[in-house]
Amino acid sequence: MKKTISIHLTGFVFNIEEEAYILLQEYLDKIRQNLSYEEGCDEIMEDIEMRIAELFQERMGLIKEVIVQKDILDIMGILGDPTDFASDEEVPFQETQTAPEDDKVKRLFRDKDGGTIGGVCSGLGHYFDVDALVFRVIFVALFLLLGSGILLYLVLMIFIPEAKTTADKLKMRGEPINLDSIKKHVNQFAESLSDRANSNKIRNNVRSAVEQGVDYGRTALNIISKIIGVAFSLAGFILFIFLLNLLFRDTGLIPFIGENNIPDIYTAIEISFPGKNWTFLIFLCIILVSLIPLISLIITGIRLITKNKTRTKEISWFLSITWTLAAVTLFIYSMGIVNDMKDDNTIKETIILEEPGCQELIIDVIDDNVFSNHFNPNRGLTTPELIKSDEESIYIGLTKLSIISIADTGNFELILYKYSRGKNEQEAIERSEQIVYELETEGNHIFLPAYYSFPVQDKIRGQFLHFTLMVPMGKKVKFGPQSDRLKLDKRKYKPLLSVAPLDTMIYTINQLGDTNLISEIRID
C-alpha cells in the first residue's frame, strides 16, 4: 500500500503517489535553481508546470487515477535535464534528450506577438509554414472582391485560441516541448525584445493615432448630441406651451372655437361624441395623446444634454402605456361617431309663395341675430367658421342656394332640402326633420334666414340645408342688400360672383338651363 496526496498544478487537481511527488518536487526545484539568474524565471516555471499538467492529463484515464513514479520519470525524459537551464558561463553544454516525435505535433494558434491585429494571419503562417503576408493578401482580396474578408477574419479570431504560454507558442511552431526548447524560446524572446519594442512603438503610435481620432470623433458626437438635445428640449417645450394654449384658450387658430362660435374644445367634444357622460374622459385622452409625445421629446433632449439616464426606462414605459391607453380610448369612442353616421337621408319640402306667378322675385336675408351681418361667404368664409352652439341648439350659418331654369309654367318654385346622417335610416330621417329653417314670404319677396339650427342632443351629424329656386324662362330674380349671407352654387355662378355683389345684379332666364346677368341695378 502506497500513500497518495492531492496537488494543484496550474489550476488542475491531481492524485499522485508520495514518492512520485517527492521526485517531481526535486525536479522542479533543480530547474528553478538553474533559472534563478535568468530573466523571466517565473514565466518559464509557469510554462513548465503547464506542460507537466498537460502530460499528466494525457496519462490519466477511466482506469488510471493516480500519477506514479514511472510517469514522473517519463515526463523528465520528455522535458530534459534541469542543467539545460543553467547559464552558459556556469554549466558546460550538455546534449539534451530528444523529445519523442509524438511531442512535435503542430497546433493552430493565433500569434499576437507577430500579428498586426489579432494574430490570425501570423498563426496560419506558422501552421502551414507559409509567410503570414500571403494570408494577409488573401484576406484583403476577399474583402475587396467579396466583402467577406472582415467577417471571416473575425470568425477565425473568435474560434482560434491565442498562443499565450511558451508551451502554446512551441506547439504553434511544431517544436518539441522540453526544457531545451523552452530555454531556447526564452533566450530568443529576450534577444528580440529590442526589435519588438521598436515594432510595438510604431504599432502603439498607430494605435494612439487611431484612439486619438476616435476620441475626437466621440467629442464631436457628444457636442452634436448636446446640440440636438437643446433643439429637442426647446422644440418640445415651445410645442407643449402652444398645445396647452390651443386646448384651453381661444387662440383663433381653430376656426370653430371662439367667442362667437363653439366656446371651447370641451364643448366641441360634447356636441360631437355620442353620449354626454364621457366628455371629460375623452377630453383627458385628447390632452394625453397630444402632450405625451412632446413630454417624451423634452425628456430625450434633457438626456442628450445631461447624459443622465436615471429611471428613464420606467418613465418611458409609463408614458408609452399611458399614451397607448389614451389613444385606444379615443379610437373606441371615435368609432361611436362612425357608427352614428352609417346611413343618411334627405327630406324635400316645397315652399308655397304668395305670388308664384309674378314676373320678378326678390330674395333677401332676414337680419342675423346669431352670426354677423354683411359678410360674403362666397369670398373665403368656410362652414367651420359659421358654427355656434348654446345649451339648446347648434347653429350653422351657411345656406346654399341654386337657381335652375324650368319650362315656362308661369310660376316660381322654391324647394328646400334637409340632409342628415344617423346609425340607421330612421334616425337619419328624425335628425333631418329636426333641422329648423323658418323663412318668410310676402308678395313677391322671399326672406330667408341666414342660418339653420337643430337640437344639441342630435350632435353634429353632417346636417346640411340646401334650397333650389326654379325660375321660368323670361322671368327675373333680384337680391336684397343682405343677400351676401347666402351661398350660391359656385359651379354655376362663379363668373357672376366675381363681377359685383349680389344686390347689384338682376338675373334673367333666357333659355332652358342658362342664367345671365342683364344689368346692374341697385335695389334699395
Protein backbone atom coordinates (compact mmCIF):
# COMPACT_ATOMS: atom_id res chain seq x y z
CA MET A 1 0.00 0.00 0.00
CA LYS A 2 1.37 3.38 -1.04
CA LYS A 3 0.42 6.81 0.23
CA THR A 4 -1.13 9.31 -2.23
CA ILE A 5 -1.58 13.05 -1.95
CA SER A 6 -3.52 15.68 -3.95
CA ILE A 7 -1.66 18.52 -5.62
CA HIS A 8 -2.75 21.64 -7.53
CA LEU A 9 -0.87 22.26 -10.74
CA THR A 10 -1.81 25.36 -12.83
CA GLY A 11 -5.40 25.13 -11.65
CA PHE A 12 -5.80 21.35 -12.04
CA VAL A 13 -6.03 18.78 -9.22
CA PHE A 14 -4.10 15.51 -9.50
CA ASN A 15 -3.71 12.50 -7.20
CA ILE A 16 -0.04 11.46 -7.04
CA GLU A 17 1.96 8.88 -5.07
CA GLU A 18 4.14 10.35 -2.33
CA GLU A 19 7.41 9.03 -3.88
CA ALA A 20 6.41 10.44 -7.27
CA TYR A 21 5.56 13.79 -5.66
CA ILE A 22 8.98 13.97 -3.95
CA LEU A 23 10.71 13.18 -7.27
CA LEU A 24 8.64 15.83 -9.11
CA GLN A 25 9.34 18.43 -6.42
CA GLU A 26 13.11 17.78 -6.59
CA TYR A 27 13.00 18.05 -10.37
CA LEU A 28 11.18 21.40 -10.30
CA ASP A 29 13.47 22.74 -7.55
CA LYS A 30 16.56 21.92 -9.66
CA ILE A 31 15.01 23.71 -12.66
CA ARG A 32 14.19 26.79 -10.55
CA GLN A 33 17.69 26.76 -9.06
CA ASN A 34 19.28 26.73 -12.53
CA LEU A 35 16.90 29.50 -13.68
CA SER A 36 17.48 31.73 -10.69
CA TYR A 37 19.81 34.02 -12.69
CA GLU A 38 17.61 34.05 -15.80
CA GLU A 39 15.27 36.92 -16.70
CA GLY A 40 11.68 35.71 -16.81
CA CYS A 41 12.24 32.84 -14.40
CA ASP A 42 8.65 32.86 -13.11
CA GLU A 43 7.24 32.83 -16.62
CA ILE A 44 9.38 29.83 -17.62
CA MET A 45 8.36 27.92 -14.50
CA GLU A 46 4.67 28.58 -15.25
CA ASP A 47 5.15 27.23 -18.77
CA ILE A 48 6.97 24.13 -17.49
CA GLU A 49 4.22 23.44 -14.92
CA MET A 50 1.58 23.95 -17.62
CA ARG A 51 3.38 21.40 -19.81
CA ILE A 52 3.65 18.92 -16.93
CA ALA A 53 -0.10 19.33 -16.23
CA GLU A 54 -0.84 18.57 -19.90
CA LEU A 55 1.33 15.44 -19.77
CA PHE A 56 -0.40 14.37 -16.54
CA GLN A 57 -3.82 14.72 -18.22
CA GLU A 58 -2.65 12.61 -21.16
CA ARG A 59 -1.72 9.79 -18.76
CA MET A 60 -4.96 9.89 -16.76
CA GLY A 61 -7.92 7.82 -17.94
CA LEU A 62 -11.01 5.94 -16.85
CA ILE A 63 -8.91 3.30 -15.08
CA LYS A 64 -5.75 5.20 -14.13
CA GLU A 65 -6.44 7.78 -11.39
CA VAL A 66 -3.02 8.24 -9.73
CA ILE A 67 0.28 9.57 -11.07
CA VAL A 68 3.05 7.13 -10.20
CA GLN A 69 6.87 7.37 -10.13
CA LYS A 70 7.23 5.90 -13.64
CA ASP A 71 5.07 8.74 -15.02
CA ILE A 72 7.40 11.31 -13.48
CA LEU A 73 10.46 9.59 -14.97
CA ASP A 74 8.79 9.56 -18.44
CA ILE A 75 7.97 13.26 -18.15
CA MET A 76 11.52 14.07 -17.07
CA GLY A 77 12.70 12.19 -20.17
CA ILE A 78 10.47 14.31 -22.37
CA LEU A 79 11.38 17.67 -20.82
CA GLY A 80 15.10 17.03 -20.38
CA ASP A 81 17.81 17.58 -17.80
CA PRO A 82 17.39 20.58 -15.44
CA THR A 83 21.02 21.59 -16.06
CA ASP A 84 19.98 22.64 -19.60
CA PHE A 85 18.60 25.76 -17.99
CA ALA A 86 21.83 26.78 -16.34
CA SER A 87 23.64 29.85 -17.68
CA ASP A 88 26.31 29.11 -20.28
CA GLU A 89 29.02 30.52 -18.02
CA GLU A 90 28.09 28.28 -15.08
CA VAL A 91 27.37 24.91 -16.65
CA PRO A 92 29.01 23.38 -19.70
CA PHE A 93 26.87 22.46 -22.64
CA GLN A 94 25.23 19.04 -22.34
CA GLU A 95 23.28 17.35 -25.07
CA THR A 96 19.65 17.15 -24.08
CA GLN A 97 17.40 14.25 -24.57
CA THR A 98 15.46 14.43 -27.79
CA ALA A 99 11.71 14.59 -27.36
CA PRO A 100 9.56 11.86 -28.84
CA GLU A 101 8.14 12.52 -32.28
CA ASP A 102 4.62 12.49 -30.84
CA ASP A 103 5.52 15.60 -28.88
CA LYS A 104 6.26 17.56 -32.03
CA VAL A 105 2.61 17.80 -33.21
CA LYS A 106 1.86 21.27 -34.58
CA ARG A 107 -1.34 23.06 -33.45
CA LEU A 108 -3.15 26.13 -34.74
CA PHE A 109 -2.94 29.22 -32.52
CA ARG A 110 -3.18 32.98 -33.01
CA ASP A 111 0.24 34.65 -32.82
CA LYS A 112 -0.42 38.12 -31.37
CA ASP A 113 3.32 38.72 -30.91
CA GLY A 114 3.90 38.55 -34.65
CA GLY A 115 0.45 39.75 -35.69
CA THR A 116 -0.88 43.16 -36.60
CA ILE A 117 -4.45 42.97 -35.31
CA GLY A 118 -5.44 39.62 -33.80
CA GLY A 119 -2.59 37.34 -34.91
CA VAL A 120 -4.77 35.19 -37.21
CA CYS A 121 -2.60 35.55 -40.33
CA SER A 122 0.63 35.04 -38.36
CA GLY A 123 -0.82 31.91 -36.70
CA LEU A 124 -1.95 30.48 -40.05
CA GLY A 125 1.55 31.19 -41.42
CA HIS A 126 3.17 29.14 -38.64
CA TYR A 127 0.69 26.29 -39.07
CA PHE A 128 1.11 25.98 -42.86
CA ASP A 129 4.79 27.05 -42.93
CA VAL A 130 3.88 29.98 -45.20
CA ASP A 131 4.75 33.64 -44.82
CA ALA A 132 1.96 35.47 -42.95
CA LEU A 133 1.96 38.11 -45.72
CA VAL A 134 0.32 35.56 -48.05
CA PHE A 135 -2.68 35.23 -45.76
CA ARG A 136 -2.90 39.00 -45.25
CA VAL A 137 -3.10 39.46 -49.04
CA ILE A 138 -5.81 36.76 -49.21
CA PHE A 139 -7.94 38.47 -46.55
CA VAL A 140 -7.56 41.88 -48.21
CA ALA A 141 -8.56 40.36 -51.59
CA LEU A 142 -11.62 38.67 -50.03
CA PHE A 143 -12.64 41.99 -48.52
CA LEU A 144 -12.24 43.95 -51.76
CA LEU A 145 -13.80 41.37 -54.08
CA LEU A 146 -16.48 39.70 -51.97
CA GLY A 147 -16.76 41.90 -48.90
CA SER A 148 -16.40 38.84 -46.63
CA GLY A 149 -12.76 39.18 -45.57
CA ILE A 150 -13.51 41.07 -42.36
CA LEU A 151 -16.28 38.67 -41.32
CA LEU A 152 -14.09 35.59 -41.96
CA TYR A 153 -11.21 37.18 -40.03
CA LEU A 154 -13.48 37.93 -37.05
CA VAL A 155 -14.85 34.37 -37.04
CA LEU A 156 -11.33 32.88 -37.05
CA MET A 157 -10.26 35.35 -34.38
CA ILE A 158 -13.11 34.12 -32.16
CA PHE A 159 -12.59 30.37 -32.65
CA ILE A 160 -8.77 30.10 -32.89
CA PRO A 161 -7.19 30.27 -29.40
CA GLU A 162 -4.34 32.66 -28.69
CA ALA A 163 -0.85 31.28 -28.01
CA LYS A 164 -0.34 32.72 -24.53
CA THR A 165 2.16 30.40 -22.83
CA THR A 166 5.59 29.31 -24.00
CA ALA A 167 4.25 25.78 -24.48
CA ASP A 168 1.47 27.13 -26.73
CA LYS A 169 3.98 29.07 -28.80
CA LEU A 170 6.18 25.99 -29.19
CA LYS A 171 3.18 23.91 -30.26
CA MET A 172 2.28 26.64 -32.75
CA ARG A 173 5.71 26.26 -34.39
CA GLY A 174 5.71 22.43 -34.13
CA GLU A 175 8.72 22.40 -31.80
CA PRO A 176 9.15 19.81 -29.01
CA ILE A 177 8.13 20.99 -25.55
CA ASN A 178 11.09 20.23 -23.32
CA LEU A 179 13.48 22.17 -21.14
CA ASP A 180 15.86 22.83 -24.01
CA SER A 181 13.22 24.21 -26.35
CA ILE A 182 11.62 26.29 -23.60
CA LYS A 183 15.06 27.73 -22.67
CA LYS A 184 15.76 28.44 -26.33
CA HIS A 185 12.44 30.19 -26.74
CA VAL A 186 13.05 32.35 -23.68
CA ASN A 187 16.51 33.33 -24.94
CA GLN A 188 15.11 34.22 -28.35
CA PHE A 189 12.39 36.22 -26.65
CA ALA A 190 14.99 38.19 -24.68
CA GLU A 191 17.06 38.85 -27.81
CA SER A 192 14.05 40.12 -29.72
CA LEU A 193 12.86 42.50 -27.00
CA SER A 194 14.57 45.45 -28.65
CA ASP A 195 13.10 44.71 -32.08
CA ARG A 196 9.70 44.10 -30.60
CA ALA A 197 9.97 47.31 -28.61
CA ASN A 198 10.56 49.27 -31.83
CA SER A 199 7.77 47.41 -33.58
CA ASN A 200 5.46 47.96 -30.65
CA LYS A 201 6.43 51.62 -30.62
CA ILE A 202 5.29 52.01 -34.24
CA ARG A 203 2.22 49.93 -33.54
CA ASN A 204 1.47 51.94 -30.42
CA ASN A 205 1.89 55.18 -32.39
CA VAL A 206 -0.63 53.96 -34.97
CA ARG A 207 -2.94 52.75 -32.23
CA SER A 208 -2.52 56.06 -30.39
CA ALA A 209 -3.39 57.99 -33.56
CA VAL A 210 -6.46 55.83 -34.10
CA GLU A 211 -7.52 56.20 -30.47
CA GLN A 212 -6.97 59.96 -30.67
CA GLY A 213 -9.15 60.09 -33.81
CA VAL A 214 -11.80 58.04 -32.01
CA ASP A 215 -11.62 60.46 -29.06
CA TYR A 216 -12.04 63.44 -31.38
CA GLY A 217 -14.97 61.72 -33.08
CA ARG A 218 -16.51 60.90 -29.72
CA THR A 219 -16.11 64.52 -28.62
CA ALA A 220 -17.71 65.75 -31.86
CA LEU A 221 -20.60 63.31 -31.45
CA ASN A 222 -21.02 64.44 -27.86
CA ILE A 223 -21.22 68.09 -28.96
CA ILE A 224 -23.68 67.21 -31.75
CA SER A 225 -25.82 65.19 -29.33
CA LYS A 226 -25.94 68.15 -26.93
CA ILE A 227 -26.97 70.49 -29.76
CA ILE A 228 -29.69 68.03 -30.80
CA GLY A 229 -30.71 67.73 -27.15
CA VAL A 230 -31.08 71.51 -26.82
CA ALA A 231 -33.10 71.60 -30.07
CA PHE A 232 -35.36 68.74 -28.89
CA SER A 233 -35.91 70.37 -25.48
CA LEU A 234 -36.69 73.83 -26.90
CA ALA A 235 -38.95 72.46 -29.65
CA GLY A 236 -40.76 70.19 -27.20
CA PHE A 237 -41.23 73.00 -24.66
CA ILE A 238 -42.48 75.52 -27.26
CA LEU A 239 -44.89 72.99 -28.79
CA PHE A 240 -46.04 71.97 -25.29
CA ILE A 241 -46.96 75.58 -24.41
CA PHE A 242 -48.55 76.04 -27.83
CA LEU A 243 -50.74 72.94 -27.45
CA LEU A 244 -51.77 73.93 -23.91
CA ASN A 245 -52.98 77.27 -25.25
CA LEU A 246 -54.70 75.55 -28.15
CA LEU A 247 -56.52 73.14 -25.83
CA PHE A 248 -57.54 75.58 -23.11
CA ARG A 249 -57.68 79.04 -24.73
CA ASP A 250 -59.16 80.73 -27.77
CA THR A 251 -56.12 81.26 -29.97
CA GLY A 252 -58.11 81.93 -33.14
CA LEU A 253 -56.27 79.09 -34.89
CA ILE A 254 -59.20 76.66 -34.70
CA PRO A 255 -61.95 78.21 -36.88
CA PHE A 256 -64.94 76.78 -34.97
CA ILE A 257 -63.60 77.68 -31.48
CA GLY A 258 -64.17 81.23 -30.22
CA GLU A 259 -66.43 83.72 -28.51
CA ASN A 260 -68.85 83.82 -31.46
CA ASN A 261 -68.61 80.10 -32.22
CA ILE A 262 -68.27 76.96 -30.10
CA PRO A 263 -66.86 78.20 -26.75
CA ASP A 264 -64.07 75.63 -26.31
CA ILE A 265 -62.82 72.19 -27.28
CA TYR A 266 -64.62 70.61 -24.33
CA THR A 267 -67.95 71.83 -25.77
CA ALA A 268 -66.91 70.66 -29.27
CA ILE A 269 -66.40 67.16 -27.85
CA GLU A 270 -69.76 67.34 -26.10
CA ILE A 271 -71.66 68.12 -29.33
CA SER A 272 -69.69 65.63 -31.44
CA PHE A 273 -69.18 62.39 -29.50
CA PRO A 274 -72.10 60.09 -28.58
CA GLY A 275 -73.46 60.40 -25.05
CA LYS A 276 -72.61 63.12 -22.57
CA ASN A 277 -71.16 61.29 -19.53
CA TRP A 278 -67.76 60.57 -21.06
CA THR A 279 -66.86 64.06 -22.28
CA PHE A 280 -64.26 64.65 -19.58
CA LEU A 281 -62.59 61.27 -20.23
CA ILE A 282 -62.40 61.96 -23.98
CA PHE A 283 -61.01 65.46 -23.34
CA LEU A 284 -58.40 64.00 -20.97
CA CYS A 285 -57.41 61.40 -23.60
CA ILE A 286 -57.00 64.15 -26.22
CA ILE A 287 -54.72 66.04 -23.81
CA LEU A 288 -52.61 62.93 -23.13
CA VAL A 289 -52.33 61.88 -26.79
CA SER A 290 -51.31 65.43 -27.73
CA LEU A 291 -48.87 66.22 -24.92
CA ILE A 292 -47.14 62.90 -24.09
CA PRO A 293 -45.09 62.87 -27.35
CA LEU A 294 -43.89 66.38 -26.52
CA ILE A 295 -43.02 65.37 -22.96
CA SER A 296 -41.03 62.44 -24.40
CA LEU A 297 -39.27 64.85 -26.77
CA ILE A 298 -38.31 67.11 -23.85
CA ILE A 299 -37.05 64.14 -21.77
CA THR A 300 -35.00 62.86 -24.72
CA GLY A 301 -33.46 66.30 -25.16
CA ILE A 302 -32.56 66.53 -21.46
CA ARG A 303 -31.00 63.05 -21.60
CA LEU A 304 -28.87 64.05 -24.59
CA ILE A 305 -27.70 67.18 -22.77
CA THR A 306 -27.01 65.71 -19.33
CA LYS A 307 -26.30 62.03 -20.22
CA ASN A 308 -28.41 61.21 -17.18
CA LYS A 309 -30.42 58.01 -17.63
CA THR A 310 -31.74 57.71 -14.07
CA ARG A 311 -35.16 55.98 -14.09
CA THR A 312 -35.68 56.94 -17.74
CA LYS A 313 -36.68 53.37 -18.58
CA GLU A 314 -39.50 53.40 -16.03
CA ILE A 315 -40.66 56.85 -17.16
CA SER A 316 -40.59 55.79 -20.83
CA TRP A 317 -42.67 52.70 -20.09
CA PHE A 318 -45.17 54.73 -18.06
CA LEU A 319 -45.57 57.36 -20.80
CA SER A 320 -45.84 54.71 -23.53
CA ILE A 321 -48.52 52.73 -21.69
CA THR A 322 -50.47 55.89 -20.79
CA TRP A 323 -50.35 57.18 -24.39
CA THR A 324 -51.45 53.79 -25.76
CA LEU A 325 -54.40 53.56 -23.36
CA ALA A 326 -55.47 57.12 -24.21
CA ALA A 327 -55.16 56.50 -27.96
CA VAL A 328 -57.15 53.24 -27.74
CA THR A 329 -59.87 55.01 -25.72
CA LEU A 330 -60.10 57.79 -28.33
CA PHE A 331 -60.26 55.21 -31.12
CA ILE A 332 -63.11 53.34 -29.42
CA TYR A 333 -65.18 56.48 -28.88
CA SER A 334 -64.38 57.76 -32.39
CA MET A 335 -65.79 54.51 -33.75
CA GLY A 336 -69.00 55.54 -32.00
CA ILE A 337 -69.13 58.63 -34.25
CA VAL A 338 -68.51 56.47 -37.33
CA ASN A 339 -71.27 54.09 -36.26
CA ASP A 340 -73.56 57.07 -35.74
CA MET A 341 -73.13 58.16 -39.38
CA LYS A 342 -73.60 54.88 -41.25
CA ASP A 343 -76.81 55.92 -43.04
CA ASP A 344 -78.18 59.19 -44.46
CA ASN A 345 -81.45 60.75 -45.57
CA THR A 346 -82.72 63.86 -47.35
CA ILE A 347 -86.14 65.42 -46.80
CA LYS A 348 -87.65 67.51 -49.61
CA GLU A 349 -90.09 70.36 -48.87
CA THR A 350 -91.80 72.68 -51.39
CA ILE A 351 -92.29 76.27 -50.17
CA ILE A 352 -95.57 77.92 -51.17
CA LEU A 353 -95.10 81.50 -52.41
CA GLU A 354 -97.74 84.24 -52.09
CA GLU A 355 -97.26 85.37 -55.71
CA PRO A 356 -95.78 82.40 -57.59
CA GLY A 357 -96.86 83.84 -60.97
CA CYS A 358 -95.09 87.23 -60.61
CA GLN A 359 -92.59 88.38 -63.25
CA GLU A 360 -89.88 89.32 -60.76
CA LEU A 361 -88.90 87.62 -57.50
CA ILE A 362 -86.87 89.45 -54.85
CA ILE A 363 -84.76 87.41 -52.43
CA ASP A 364 -83.29 88.84 -49.24
CA VAL A 365 -81.95 87.53 -45.90
CA ILE A 366 -83.54 88.10 -42.50
CA ASP A 367 -81.45 90.09 -40.04
CA ASP A 368 -78.85 87.77 -38.47
CA ASN A 369 -79.14 87.73 -34.70
CA VAL A 370 -76.73 84.79 -34.25
CA PHE A 371 -73.82 85.46 -36.64
CA SER A 372 -72.55 88.78 -38.02
CA ASN A 373 -74.40 90.59 -40.79
CA HIS A 374 -72.93 91.68 -44.11
CA PHE A 375 -70.11 89.33 -44.93
CA ASN A 376 -69.80 87.28 -48.05
CA PRO A 377 -69.37 83.51 -47.51
CA ASN A 378 -68.57 83.17 -51.22
CA ARG A 379 -65.33 85.10 -50.71
CA GLY A 380 -63.39 82.77 -48.43
CA LEU A 381 -65.61 82.15 -45.37
CA THR A 382 -65.92 78.44 -44.63
CA THR A 383 -68.53 76.34 -42.85
CA PRO A 384 -66.41 75.72 -39.66
CA GLU A 385 -66.26 79.50 -39.11
CA LEU A 386 -70.05 79.64 -39.02
CA ILE A 387 -70.82 77.02 -36.36
CA LYS A 388 -72.17 78.05 -33.00
CA SER A 389 -73.78 76.28 -30.06
CA ASP A 390 -75.57 77.04 -26.83
CA GLU A 391 -77.26 74.86 -24.24
CA GLU A 392 -80.21 74.08 -26.52
CA SER A 393 -79.20 74.31 -30.19
CA ILE A 394 -76.39 74.08 -32.71
CA TYR A 395 -76.38 76.78 -35.41
CA ILE A 396 -74.80 76.61 -38.87
CA GLY A 397 -74.66 79.87 -40.80
CA LEU A 398 -74.33 78.88 -44.45
CA THR A 399 -77.40 78.26 -46.57
CA LYS A 400 -76.75 77.03 -50.08
CA LEU A 401 -78.89 78.35 -53.00
CA SER A 402 -79.11 77.10 -56.56
CA ILE A 403 -81.07 78.79 -59.36
CA ILE A 404 -82.38 76.43 -62.03
CA SER A 405 -84.37 77.29 -65.14
CA ILE A 406 -87.58 75.40 -65.93
CA ALA A 407 -90.09 75.37 -68.76
CA ASP A 408 -92.38 78.40 -68.98
CA THR A 409 -95.03 77.32 -66.45
CA GLY A 410 -95.50 80.88 -65.34
CA ASN A 411 -94.72 80.15 -61.68
CA PHE A 412 -91.64 80.34 -59.44
CA GLU A 413 -90.93 77.31 -57.26
CA LEU A 414 -88.80 77.13 -54.13
CA ILE A 415 -87.75 73.65 -52.96
CA LEU A 416 -85.99 73.04 -49.60
CA TYR A 417 -83.73 70.01 -48.96
CA LYS A 418 -82.77 68.94 -45.42
CA TYR A 419 -79.98 66.36 -45.09
CA SER A 420 -78.59 64.42 -42.10
CA ARG A 421 -76.87 61.16 -41.15
CA GLY A 422 -77.62 58.53 -38.50
CA LYS A 423 -76.81 55.00 -37.41
CA ASN A 424 -79.79 53.87 -39.49
CA GLU A 425 -82.21 55.43 -41.96
CA GLN A 426 -84.91 56.08 -39.35
CA GLU A 427 -82.51 58.02 -37.14
CA ALA A 428 -81.24 59.99 -40.16
CA ILE A 429 -84.87 60.91 -41.05
CA GLU A 430 -85.56 62.04 -37.48
CA ARG A 431 -82.47 64.23 -37.45
CA SER A 432 -83.38 65.74 -40.84
CA GLU A 433 -86.84 66.61 -39.51
CA GLN A 434 -85.26 68.35 -36.51
CA ILE A 435 -83.50 70.91 -38.73
CA VAL A 436 -85.14 74.30 -38.16
CA TYR A 437 -85.26 76.85 -41.02
CA GLU A 438 -88.10 79.39 -40.82
CA LEU A 439 -88.26 81.53 -43.97
CA GLU A 440 -90.90 84.21 -44.64
CA THR A 441 -92.75 85.19 -47.82
CA GLU A 442 -94.50 88.49 -48.53
CA GLY A 443 -95.87 89.19 -52.00
CA ASN A 444 -93.02 88.68 -54.46
CA HIS A 445 -90.43 88.85 -51.63
CA ILE A 446 -88.76 85.85 -50.00
CA PHE A 447 -86.94 86.46 -46.70
CA LEU A 448 -84.50 83.66 -45.89
CA PRO A 449 -82.84 83.06 -42.51
CA ALA A 450 -79.04 83.39 -42.51
CA TYR A 451 -78.62 80.11 -40.61
CA TYR A 452 -80.32 76.86 -39.72
CA SER A 453 -80.31 75.04 -36.38
CA PHE A 454 -81.01 71.67 -34.79
CA PRO A 455 -81.19 70.39 -31.18
CA VAL A 456 -77.85 69.99 -29.40
CA GLN A 457 -78.72 66.41 -28.40
CA ASP A 458 -78.75 65.43 -32.10
CA LYS A 459 -74.97 66.12 -32.18
CA ILE A 460 -73.19 67.22 -35.37
CA ARG A 461 -74.01 64.50 -37.86
CA GLY A 462 -73.48 66.19 -41.20
CA GLN A 463 -76.72 68.23 -41.07
CA PHE A 464 -76.99 70.37 -44.17
CA LEU A 465 -79.58 72.62 -45.77
CA HIS A 466 -79.89 73.48 -49.45
CA PHE A 467 -82.71 75.12 -51.36
CA THR A 468 -83.30 75.42 -55.08
CA LEU A 469 -85.18 78.22 -56.84
CA MET A 470 -86.93 77.11 -60.04
CA VAL A 471 -87.19 80.13 -62.37
CA PRO A 472 -89.43 80.09 -65.51
CA MET A 473 -87.87 81.37 -68.76
CA GLY A 474 -88.16 85.13 -69.26
CA LYS A 475 -88.61 85.95 -65.55
CA LYS A 476 -86.16 87.80 -63.31
CA VAL A 477 -84.57 87.32 -59.88
CA LYS A 478 -83.22 90.16 -57.77
CA PHE A 479 -81.26 90.01 -54.47
CA GLY A 480 -81.67 92.31 -51.49
CA PRO A 481 -78.93 94.18 -49.55
CA GLN A 482 -78.31 91.35 -47.02
CA SER A 483 -78.21 88.60 -49.63
CA ASP A 484 -74.44 88.24 -49.20
CA ARG A 485 -75.34 85.85 -46.33
CA LEU A 486 -76.37 83.29 -48.96
CA LYS A 487 -74.02 80.77 -50.51
CA LEU A 488 -74.62 80.42 -54.24
CA ASP A 489 -73.64 77.27 -56.11
CA LYS A 490 -70.14 78.30 -57.22
CA ARG A 491 -70.05 75.83 -60.07
CA LYS A 492 -72.76 77.80 -61.89
CA TYR A 493 -72.30 81.36 -60.70
CA LYS A 494 -68.57 81.85 -60.12
CA PRO A 495 -68.17 84.19 -63.15
CA LEU A 496 -71.08 86.30 -61.89
CA LEU A 497 -69.82 86.43 -58.31
CA SER A 498 -66.52 87.95 -59.44
CA VAL A 499 -68.31 90.86 -61.19
CA ALA A 500 -70.22 92.56 -58.39
CA PRO A 501 -72.15 91.93 -55.15
CA LEU A 502 -75.41 90.02 -55.40
CA ASP A 503 -77.58 93.04 -54.57
CA THR A 504 -76.32 94.96 -57.64
CA MET A 505 -77.47 92.28 -60.09
CA ILE A 506 -80.61 91.15 -61.85
CA TYR A 507 -80.76 87.58 -63.12
CA THR A 508 -82.95 86.51 -66.01
CA ILE A 509 -83.54 83.17 -67.70
CA ASN A 510 -83.13 83.47 -71.48
CA GLN A 511 -83.28 79.78 -72.32
CA LEU A 512 -83.59 76.48 -70.55
CA GLY A 513 -80.60 75.87 -68.27
CA ASP A 514 -78.98 79.31 -68.93
CA THR A 515 -78.73 82.12 -66.34
CA ASN A 516 -77.44 85.53 -67.48
CA LEU A 517 -76.74 88.90 -65.93
CA ILE A 518 -78.66 91.52 -67.95
CA SER A 519 -77.96 94.72 -65.99
CA GLU A 520 -76.53 96.20 -62.78
CA ILE A 521 -79.39 97.80 -60.88
CA ARG A 522 -79.08 98.71 -57.21
CA ILE A 523 -82.08 97.55 -55.18
CA ASP A 524 -82.68 99.97 -52.32
